[in-house]
Amino acid sequence: MPRPEGHYVLAPNVHLTVMEAEEPGPTALIQAGIHGDEVCGVHALQELLEEGLRPSRGRLLVVPVMNVPAYRARQRAAPGGLDLNRSFPGAHHSDKREERLAAVFMDLVRDEAPALVATLHESHKRYDPNVHPSFGQTLVYGVKPMPPLVGTVVDRLNAELTDDAERWATHFFPVATSSTEVIVDAFGCIGVCVETWMGFDEARRVRMQRRVVELMLETLGLLEPQ
């Protein structure tokens, strides 16, 4: 069953905020910090929550830091641990923390039935279709056909550009054990990985991550267009 509005702990130090508008609408689940060295999505979600982000319709669930030990260490995975984004669907009774957390997150998605699950990432390589793999400045999806929301958000981002270096692209790149692909396969929702390029300074990446979140929520109908 969906959780009432409030704050929850999914696992030690993994915090979930649930917000519900008076007007009904879809549910979106946004998370960051699944890789601990990709910090700007974490900061973007923390800032948005601190500034009072709320849906005007539907429900919004936010997990700012999925992999807390990795984030503290500023490493892709926690010291001695697994890559959390290669641990899905997980297992509740595994001896690996990451696999237990992945299973708990899958339970959350099953209970909440979100229309959108988005993961905020960052990449060391600027996207180039001739360089494999490369992800920076893309919205990545892993199951075809491409969700219309992905193309709409990329078009809106590019229409707002003041610097063409920030230009965004859509990118089909399936990874069988990643959170978004496993979740889409299991539940049929929209799954998106947001990838900013680490060649930009941190403040600029945080700003871009914030704007992507706002546009995804606007496109889905949770926020009024600005």
Foldseek 3Di string as FASTA:
>chain_A
DADDADWDALDVPFIKGKAAAPAEAFEEEEEEALFQLFQLQLVLVVVCVVVPDHFNYHMYMYGSHLQVQRVVVSGGHHVVADSLQQQPCADCPDPGPSSNSNVSVLVNCVVRVGQEYEYEGEFQADDDVVDPPGDAQEKEFADDDQDPLRVVLLVVVQVPDPDCVNRHYYYHDHDPRGSQVVSCVVRVHGYIYGYHHPVDDSVVSSVVSNSSVVSSCVVSPRHPDD
